[in-house]
Amino acid sequence: MSIFIPSGSYSYNASAKTLTLSGDFTTITLERIISIRNVTRKTLLYDRTQMYNYAISMTGSVISGLNDASAAANGDKIQIEVDTVFSSVPVLVTKIPVLSAPVAVFTAQNFPKSPDAGYTAAGTVIDTSQCIKLSIAASNANSTSLTIQINGLNTAAGTMRIPLYVLTLNTTTTTGGCVIVDLPPYVEIVVTNNDTVTAATVTVTAVKTS
């Protein structure tokens, strides 16, 4: 697409054979100029499809080398056609990652010894449909064998489960975590206390990056 620079946004010096652009058009570059015509004299001063016949130059906002008729005057109406594309270089926009507040999946929750009632439980399903990354952190107290299974789900109801990661904690390794970047629409975290003697106190949090 192209536009014509309006009258009042240029000044013409017929004897010097120059045009000076002004206002919003001072940043126009030579490669954006399509053609220049003296409408009053009906003369073609420049056409970029005929570059060898019309050699002009540009310094700042001043166009030089216009070969106009000898009778041309400063007040002649000049038609300057320019390309509307301001730059041939695409502008790359970098998205700034946004972190959610930590999601409390389990907070100091008691898990009885295995296989007592409540020794395993699944936390509230996490919606990761708009996420690019999920960071999970977990801590365990007292249990000598604790498993944290992280599953991907196709729906919030969890009709299909895809194992993503397993954390194993004990009395030596009491904390752990992982970062998952290849995310399904939903994520489920299941804690299982495998210790047959001692109950566990477990905390699991997740931070979503979108």
C-alpha atoms as a PDB file:
ATOM      1  CA  MET A   1       0.000   0.000   0.000  1.00  0.00           C
ATOM      2  CA  SER A   2       1.036   3.590  -0.524  1.00  0.00           C
ATOM      3  CA  ILE A   3       0.040   7.115   0.448  1.00  0.00           C
ATOM      4  CA  PHE A   4       0.708  10.602  -0.924  1.00  0.00           C
ATOM      5  CA  ILE A   5       2.452  13.124   1.288  1.00  0.00           C
ATOM      6  CA  PRO A   6      -0.012  16.015   1.757  1.00  0.00           C
ATOM      7  CA  SER A   7       0.641  19.591   0.790  1.00  0.00           C
ATOM      8  CA  GLY A   8       2.199  21.450   3.723  1.00  0.00           C
ATOM      9  CA  SER A   9       4.378  18.476   4.655  1.00  0.00           C
ATOM     10  CA  TYR A  10       7.085  19.332   2.122  1.00  0.00           C
ATOM     11  CA  SER A  11       8.813  22.348   0.609  1.00  0.00           C
ATOM     12  CA  TYR A  12      10.152  22.453  -2.954  1.00  0.00           C
ATOM     13  CA  ASN A  13      13.250  24.341  -4.118  1.00  0.00           C
ATOM     14  CA  ALA A  14      13.028  24.330  -7.920  1.00  0.00           C
ATOM     15  CA  SER A  15      16.438  25.898  -8.600  1.00  0.00           C
ATOM     16  CA  ALA A  16      18.251  23.562  -6.196  1.00  0.00           C
ATOM     17  CA  LYS A  17      16.089  20.657  -7.371  1.00  0.00           C
ATOM     18  CA  THR A  18      15.427  19.519  -3.816  1.00  0.00           C
ATOM     19  CA  LEU A  19      12.432  18.547  -1.698  1.00  0.00           C
ATOM     20  CA  THR A  20      12.458  18.879   2.082  1.00  0.00           C
ATOM     21  CA  LEU A  21       9.987  16.759   4.026  1.00  0.00           C
ATOM     22  CA  SER A  22       8.515  18.024   7.283  1.00  0.00           C
ATOM     23  CA  GLY A  23       6.097  17.126  10.077  1.00  0.00           C
ATOM     24  CA  ASP A  24       5.330  13.427  10.416  1.00  0.00           C
ATOM     25  CA  PHE A  25       7.292  12.599   7.270  1.00  0.00           C
ATOM     26  CA  THR A  26      10.826  13.524   8.344  1.00  0.00           C
ATOM     27  CA  THR A  27      11.646   9.873   9.060  1.00  0.00           C
ATOM     28  CA  ILE A  28      10.817   8.719   5.514  1.00  0.00           C
ATOM     29  CA  THR A  29      13.785   6.869   3.985  1.00  0.00           C
ATOM     30  CA  LEU A  30      14.807   6.722   0.325  1.00  0.00           C
ATOM     31  CA  GLU A  31      13.761   3.095  -0.164  1.00  0.00           C
ATOM     32  CA  ARG A  32      10.192   4.001   0.813  1.00  0.00           C
ATOM     33  CA  ILE A  33       9.751   6.587  -1.943  1.00  0.00           C
ATOM     34  CA  ILE A  34       7.798   5.128  -4.869  1.00  0.00           C
ATOM     35  CA  SER A  35       7.503   8.130  -7.182  1.00  0.00           C
ATOM     36  CA  ILE A  36       7.702  11.937  -7.311  1.00  0.00           C
ATOM     37  CA  ARG A  37       5.828  14.076  -9.860  1.00  0.00           C
ATOM     38  CA  ASN A  38       5.494  17.774 -10.526  1.00  0.00           C
ATOM     39  CA  VAL A  39       1.738  17.937 -11.000  1.00  0.00           C
ATOM     40  CA  THR A  40       1.853  21.591 -12.095  1.00  0.00           C
ATOM     41  CA  ARG A  41       4.364  20.906 -14.909  1.00  0.00           C
ATOM     42  CA  LYS A  42       3.195  17.330 -15.559  1.00  0.00           C
ATOM     43  CA  THR A  43       6.736  16.025 -15.221  1.00  0.00           C
ATOM     44  CA  LEU A  44       8.001  12.802 -13.664  1.00  0.00           C
ATOM     45  CA  LEU A  45      10.824  13.535 -11.221  1.00  0.00           C
ATOM     46  CA  TYR A  46      11.392  10.025  -9.864  1.00  0.00           C
ATOM     47  CA  ASP A  47      10.081   6.482 -10.272  1.00  0.00           C
ATOM     48  CA  ARG A  48      11.737   3.671  -8.365  1.00  0.00           C
ATOM     49  CA  THR A  49      10.857   1.199 -11.134  1.00  0.00           C
ATOM     50  CA  GLN A  50      13.161   3.248 -13.370  1.00  0.00           C
ATOM     51  CA  MET A  51      16.033   3.792 -10.954  1.00  0.00           C
ATOM     52  CA  TYR A  52      18.645   4.074 -13.696  1.00  0.00           C
ATOM     53  CA  ASN A  53      16.776   6.965 -15.291  1.00  0.00           C
ATOM     54  CA  TYR A  54      16.039   8.819 -12.040  1.00  0.00           C
ATOM     55  CA  ALA A  55      19.037   8.916  -9.708  1.00  0.00           C
ATOM     56  CA  ILE A  56      18.115  10.781  -6.536  1.00  0.00           C
ATOM     57  CA  SER A  57      19.678  10.856  -3.093  1.00  0.00           C
ATOM     58  CA  MET A  58      18.451  11.642   0.381  1.00  0.00           C
ATOM     59  CA  THR A  59      20.167  13.209   3.376  1.00  0.00           C
ATOM     60  CA  GLY A  60      17.999  13.394   6.461  1.00  0.00           C
ATOM     61  CA  SER A  61      14.652  14.712   5.222  1.00  0.00           C
ATOM     62  CA  VAL A  62      16.094  16.403   2.094  1.00  0.00           C
ATOM     63  CA  ILE A  63      15.648  14.723  -1.305  1.00  0.00           C
ATOM     64  CA  SER A  64      18.183  15.853  -3.914  1.00  0.00           C
ATOM     65  CA  GLY A  65      18.810  15.275  -7.608  1.00  0.00           C
ATOM     66  CA  LEU A  66      15.317  15.947  -8.949  1.00  0.00           C
ATOM     67  CA  ASN A  67      15.480  16.632 -12.701  1.00  0.00           C
ATOM     68  CA  ASP A  68      12.547  19.001 -13.177  1.00  0.00           C
ATOM     69  CA  ALA A  69      11.657  21.252 -16.092  1.00  0.00           C
ATOM     70  CA  SER A  70      13.500  24.563 -16.385  1.00  0.00           C
ATOM     71  CA  ALA A  71      10.242  26.447 -15.881  1.00  0.00           C
ATOM     72  CA  ALA A  72       9.560  24.757 -12.531  1.00  0.00           C
ATOM     73  CA  ALA A  73       8.866  27.051  -9.571  1.00  0.00           C
ATOM     74  CA  ASN A  74       8.977  26.661  -5.818  1.00  0.00           C
ATOM     75  CA  GLY A  75       5.191  26.898  -5.592  1.00  0.00           C
ATOM     76  CA  ASP A  76       4.549  23.986  -7.959  1.00  0.00           C
ATOM     77  CA  LYS A  77       2.375  21.173  -6.628  1.00  0.00           C
ATOM     78  CA  ILE A  78       4.456  18.081  -6.044  1.00  0.00           C
ATOM     79  CA  GLN A  79       3.025  14.575  -5.690  1.00  0.00           C
ATOM     80  CA  ILE A  80       5.175  12.326  -3.508  1.00  0.00           C
ATOM     81  CA  GLU A  81       4.066   8.702  -3.249  1.00  0.00           C
ATOM     82  CA  VAL A  82       5.559   6.642  -0.410  1.00  0.00           C
ATOM     83  CA  ASP A  83       5.258   3.075   0.825  1.00  0.00           C
ATOM     84  CA  THR A  84       3.154   2.818   3.988  1.00  0.00           C
ATOM     85  CA  VAL A  85       5.354   0.049   5.443  1.00  0.00           C
ATOM     86  CA  PHE A  86       7.483   1.858   8.017  1.00  0.00           C
ATOM     87  CA  SER A  87      10.046  -0.899   8.385  1.00  0.00           C
ATOM     88  CA  SER A  88      10.955  -4.090   6.574  1.00  0.00           C
ATOM     89  CA  VAL A  89      12.241  -5.576   9.829  1.00  0.00           C
ATOM     90  CA  PRO A  90       9.560  -7.349  11.883  1.00  0.00           C
ATOM     91  CA  VAL A  91       9.207  -6.299  15.497  1.00  0.00           C
ATOM     92  CA  LEU A  92       9.540  -9.257  17.821  1.00  0.00           C
ATOM     93  CA  VAL A  93       7.446  -9.028  20.969  1.00  0.00           C
ATOM     94  CA  THR A  94       8.755 -11.016  23.897  1.00  0.00           C
ATOM     95  CA  LYS A  95       6.105 -12.258  26.247  1.00  0.00           C
ATOM     96  CA  ILE A  96       7.018 -11.837  29.903  1.00  0.00           C
ATOM     97  CA  PRO A  97       6.232 -15.010  31.872  1.00  0.00           C
ATOM     98  CA  VAL A  98       3.609 -14.560  34.592  1.00  0.00           C
ATOM     99  CA  LEU A  99       3.829 -16.658  37.758  1.00  0.00           C
ATOM    100  CA  SER A 100       0.755 -17.549  39.762  1.00  0.00           C
ATOM    101  CA  ALA A 101       0.602 -17.445  43.536  1.00  0.00           C
ATOM    102  CA  PRO A 102       1.577 -20.850  44.976  1.00  0.00           C
ATOM    103  CA  VAL A 103      -1.279 -23.341  44.788  1.00  0.00           C
ATOM    104  CA  ALA A 104      -1.561 -25.250  48.081  1.00  0.00           C
ATOM    105  CA  VAL A 105      -2.229 -28.850  47.083  1.00  0.00           C
ATOM    106  CA  PHE A 106      -1.539 -30.248  50.588  1.00  0.00           C
ATOM    107  CA  THR A 107      -0.642 -28.171  53.652  1.00  0.00           C
ATOM    108  CA  ALA A 108       0.939 -30.084  56.550  1.00  0.00           C
ATOM    109  CA  GLN A 109      -1.544 -32.868  55.860  1.00  0.00           C
ATOM    110  CA  ASN A 110      -1.433 -36.084  57.870  1.00  0.00           C
ATOM    111  CA  PHE A 111      -1.095 -39.343  55.958  1.00  0.00           C
ATOM    112  CA  PRO A 112      -1.535 -42.394  58.239  1.00  0.00           C
ATOM    113  CA  LYS A 113       0.769 -45.409  57.983  1.00  0.00           C
ATOM    114  CA  SER A 114       0.080 -47.803  55.149  1.00  0.00           C
ATOM    115  CA  PRO A 115      -2.431 -49.348  54.624  1.00  0.00           C
ATOM    116  CA  ASP A 116      -4.580 -47.451  57.126  1.00  0.00           C
ATOM    117  CA  ALA A 117      -7.481 -45.359  55.823  1.00  0.00           C
ATOM    118  CA  GLY A 118      -6.221 -42.106  54.308  1.00  0.00           C
ATOM    119  CA  TYR A 119      -2.634 -43.279  53.738  1.00  0.00           C
ATOM    120  CA  THR A 120      -3.007 -42.106  50.094  1.00  0.00           C
ATOM    121  CA  ALA A 121      -4.954 -39.222  48.591  1.00  0.00           C
ATOM    122  CA  ALA A 122      -5.171 -37.088  45.462  1.00  0.00           C
ATOM    123  CA  GLY A 123      -5.111 -33.315  45.705  1.00  0.00           C
ATOM    124  CA  THR A 124      -7.423 -30.939  43.906  1.00  0.00           C
ATOM    125  CA  VAL A 125      -6.897 -31.116  40.149  1.00  0.00           C
ATOM    126  CA  ILE A 126      -4.815 -28.204  38.783  1.00  0.00           C
ATOM    127  CA  ASP A 127      -5.944 -26.520  35.579  1.00  0.00           C
ATOM    128  CA  THR A 128      -2.813 -26.162  33.416  1.00  0.00           C
ATOM    129  CA  SER A 129      -4.537 -25.509  30.095  1.00  0.00           C
ATOM    130  CA  GLN A 130      -3.092 -21.958  29.942  1.00  0.00           C
ATOM    131  CA  CYS A 131       0.320 -22.787  31.413  1.00  0.00           C
ATOM    132  CA  ILE A 132       3.734 -23.171  29.854  1.00  0.00           C
ATOM    133  CA  LYS A 133       5.366 -24.535  33.004  1.00  0.00           C
ATOM    134  CA  LEU A 134       4.401 -26.036  36.358  1.00  0.00           C
ATOM    135  CA  SER A 135       6.831 -25.951  39.301  1.00  0.00           C
ATOM    136  CA  ILE A 136       6.118 -28.372  42.146  1.00  0.00           C
ATOM    137  CA  ALA A 137       7.723 -28.398  45.601  1.00  0.00           C
ATOM    138  CA  ALA A 138       7.090 -30.942  48.355  1.00  0.00           C
ATOM    139  CA  SER A 139       8.182 -31.714  51.916  1.00  0.00           C
ATOM    140  CA  ASN A 140       7.810 -34.800  54.096  1.00  0.00           C
ATOM    141  CA  ALA A 141       8.189 -35.329  57.818  1.00  0.00           C
ATOM    142  CA  ASN A 142       8.470 -38.691  59.649  1.00  0.00           C
ATOM    143  CA  SER A 143       7.706 -41.120  56.821  1.00  0.00           C
ATOM    144  CA  THR A 144      10.575 -43.384  55.757  1.00  0.00           C
ATOM    145  CA  SER A 145       8.959 -43.932  52.368  1.00  0.00           C
ATOM    146  CA  LEU A 146       6.708 -41.396  50.691  1.00  0.00           C
ATOM    147  CA  THR A 147       5.727 -41.322  47.028  1.00  0.00           C
ATOM    148  CA  ILE A 148       4.332 -38.277  45.216  1.00  0.00           C
ATOM    149  CA  GLN A 149       2.917 -39.236  41.834  1.00  0.00           C
ATOM    150  CA  ILE A 150       2.243 -36.423  39.340  1.00  0.00           C
ATOM    151  CA  ASN A 151      -0.265 -37.349  36.633  1.00  0.00           C
ATOM    152  CA  GLY A 152      -1.502 -35.549  33.555  1.00  0.00           C
ATOM    153  CA  LEU A 153      -5.243 -35.638  32.924  1.00  0.00           C
ATOM    154  CA  ASN A 154      -7.175 -35.159  29.703  1.00  0.00           C
ATOM    155  CA  THR A 155     -10.141 -33.621  31.560  1.00  0.00           C
ATOM    156  CA  ALA A 156     -10.802 -32.181  34.996  1.00  0.00           C
ATOM    157  CA  ALA A 157     -12.697 -35.378  35.808  1.00  0.00           C
ATOM    158  CA  GLY A 158      -9.573 -37.383  35.023  1.00  0.00           C
ATOM    159  CA  THR A 159     -10.944 -40.092  32.753  1.00  0.00           C
ATOM    160  CA  MET A 160      -7.429 -40.756  31.418  1.00  0.00           C
ATOM    161  CA  ARG A 161      -4.167 -40.438  33.396  1.00  0.00           C
ATOM    162  CA  ILE A 162      -0.663 -39.968  32.029  1.00  0.00           C
ATOM    163  CA  PRO A 163       2.271 -40.409  34.486  1.00  0.00           C
ATOM    164  CA  LEU A 164       4.486 -37.315  34.322  1.00  0.00           C
ATOM    165  CA  TYR A 165       6.852 -37.512  37.298  1.00  0.00           C
ATOM    166  CA  VAL A 166       7.455 -39.333  40.589  1.00  0.00           C
ATOM    167  CA  LEU A 167       9.018 -37.805  43.712  1.00  0.00           C
ATOM    168  CA  THR A 168      10.312 -40.140  46.428  1.00  0.00           C
ATOM    169  CA  LEU A 169      10.903 -38.675  49.892  1.00  0.00           C
ATOM    170  CA  ASN A 170      12.022 -40.203  53.186  1.00  0.00           C
ATOM    171  CA  THR A 171      13.617 -39.171  56.470  1.00  0.00           C
ATOM    172  CA  THR A 172      16.917 -38.457  54.698  1.00  0.00           C
ATOM    173  CA  THR A 173      15.507 -36.725  51.633  1.00  0.00           C
ATOM    174  CA  THR A 174      12.739 -34.683  53.217  1.00  0.00           C
ATOM    175  CA  THR A 175      12.148 -32.190  50.389  1.00  0.00           C
ATOM    176  CA  GLY A 176      12.000 -32.384  46.634  1.00  0.00           C
ATOM    177  CA  GLY A 177      10.438 -30.934  43.550  1.00  0.00           C
ATOM    178  CA  CYS A 178      10.290 -30.808  39.774  1.00  0.00           C
ATOM    179  CA  VAL A 179       9.473 -28.535  36.862  1.00  0.00           C
ATOM    180  CA  ILE A 180       7.197 -29.818  34.100  1.00  0.00           C
ATOM    181  CA  VAL A 181       7.062 -27.974  30.778  1.00  0.00           C
ATOM    182  CA  ASP A 182       5.265 -30.469  28.546  1.00  0.00           C
ATOM    183  CA  LEU A 183       1.865 -30.048  30.164  1.00  0.00           C
ATOM    184  CA  PRO A 184      -1.494 -31.709  29.535  1.00  0.00           C
ATOM    185  CA  PRO A 185      -4.722 -29.749  30.178  1.00  0.00           C
ATOM    186  CA  TYR A 186      -4.899 -30.787  33.841  1.00  0.00           C
ATOM    187  CA  VAL A 187      -2.509 -32.132  36.469  1.00  0.00           C
ATOM    188  CA  GLU A 188      -3.241 -34.332  39.481  1.00  0.00           C
ATOM    189  CA  ILE A 189      -0.885 -34.897  42.427  1.00  0.00           C
ATOM    190  CA  VAL A 190      -1.281 -38.113  44.438  1.00  0.00           C
ATOM    191  CA  VAL A 191       0.558 -38.662  47.747  1.00  0.00           C
ATOM    192  CA  THR A 192       1.080 -42.166  49.144  1.00  0.00           C
ATOM    193  CA  ASN A 193       2.661 -42.951  52.498  1.00  0.00           C
ATOM    194  CA  ASN A 194       4.334 -46.340  52.047  1.00  0.00           C
ATOM    195  CA  ASP A 195       5.638 -46.441  55.632  1.00  0.00           C
ATOM    196  CA  THR A 196       3.850 -49.269  57.485  1.00  0.00           C
ATOM    197  CA  VAL A 197       4.819 -47.933  60.911  1.00  0.00           C
ATOM    198  CA  THR A 198       4.912 -44.113  60.910  1.00  0.00           C
ATOM    199  CA  ALA A 199       2.463 -41.475  59.739  1.00  0.00           C
ATOM    200  CA  ALA A 200       3.635 -38.621  57.496  1.00  0.00           C
ATOM    201  CA  THR A 201       3.093 -34.867  57.482  1.00  0.00           C
ATOM    202  CA  VAL A 202       3.156 -33.641  53.910  1.00  0.00           C
ATOM    203  CA  THR A 203       3.102 -30.238  52.192  1.00  0.00           C
ATOM    204  CA  VAL A 204       2.888 -29.878  48.402  1.00  0.00           C
ATOM    205  CA  THR A 205       2.644 -26.577  46.499  1.00  0.00           C
ATOM    206  CA  ALA A 206       2.580 -25.770  42.793  1.00  0.00           C
ATOM    207  CA  VAL A 207       3.339 -22.567  40.896  1.00  0.00           C
ATOM    208  CA  LYS A 208       1.940 -22.070  37.381  1.00  0.00           C
ATOM    209  CA  THR A 209       3.798 -20.055  34.755  1.00  0.00           C
ATOM    210  CA  SER A 210       1.720 -18.654  31.923  1.00  0.00           C
END
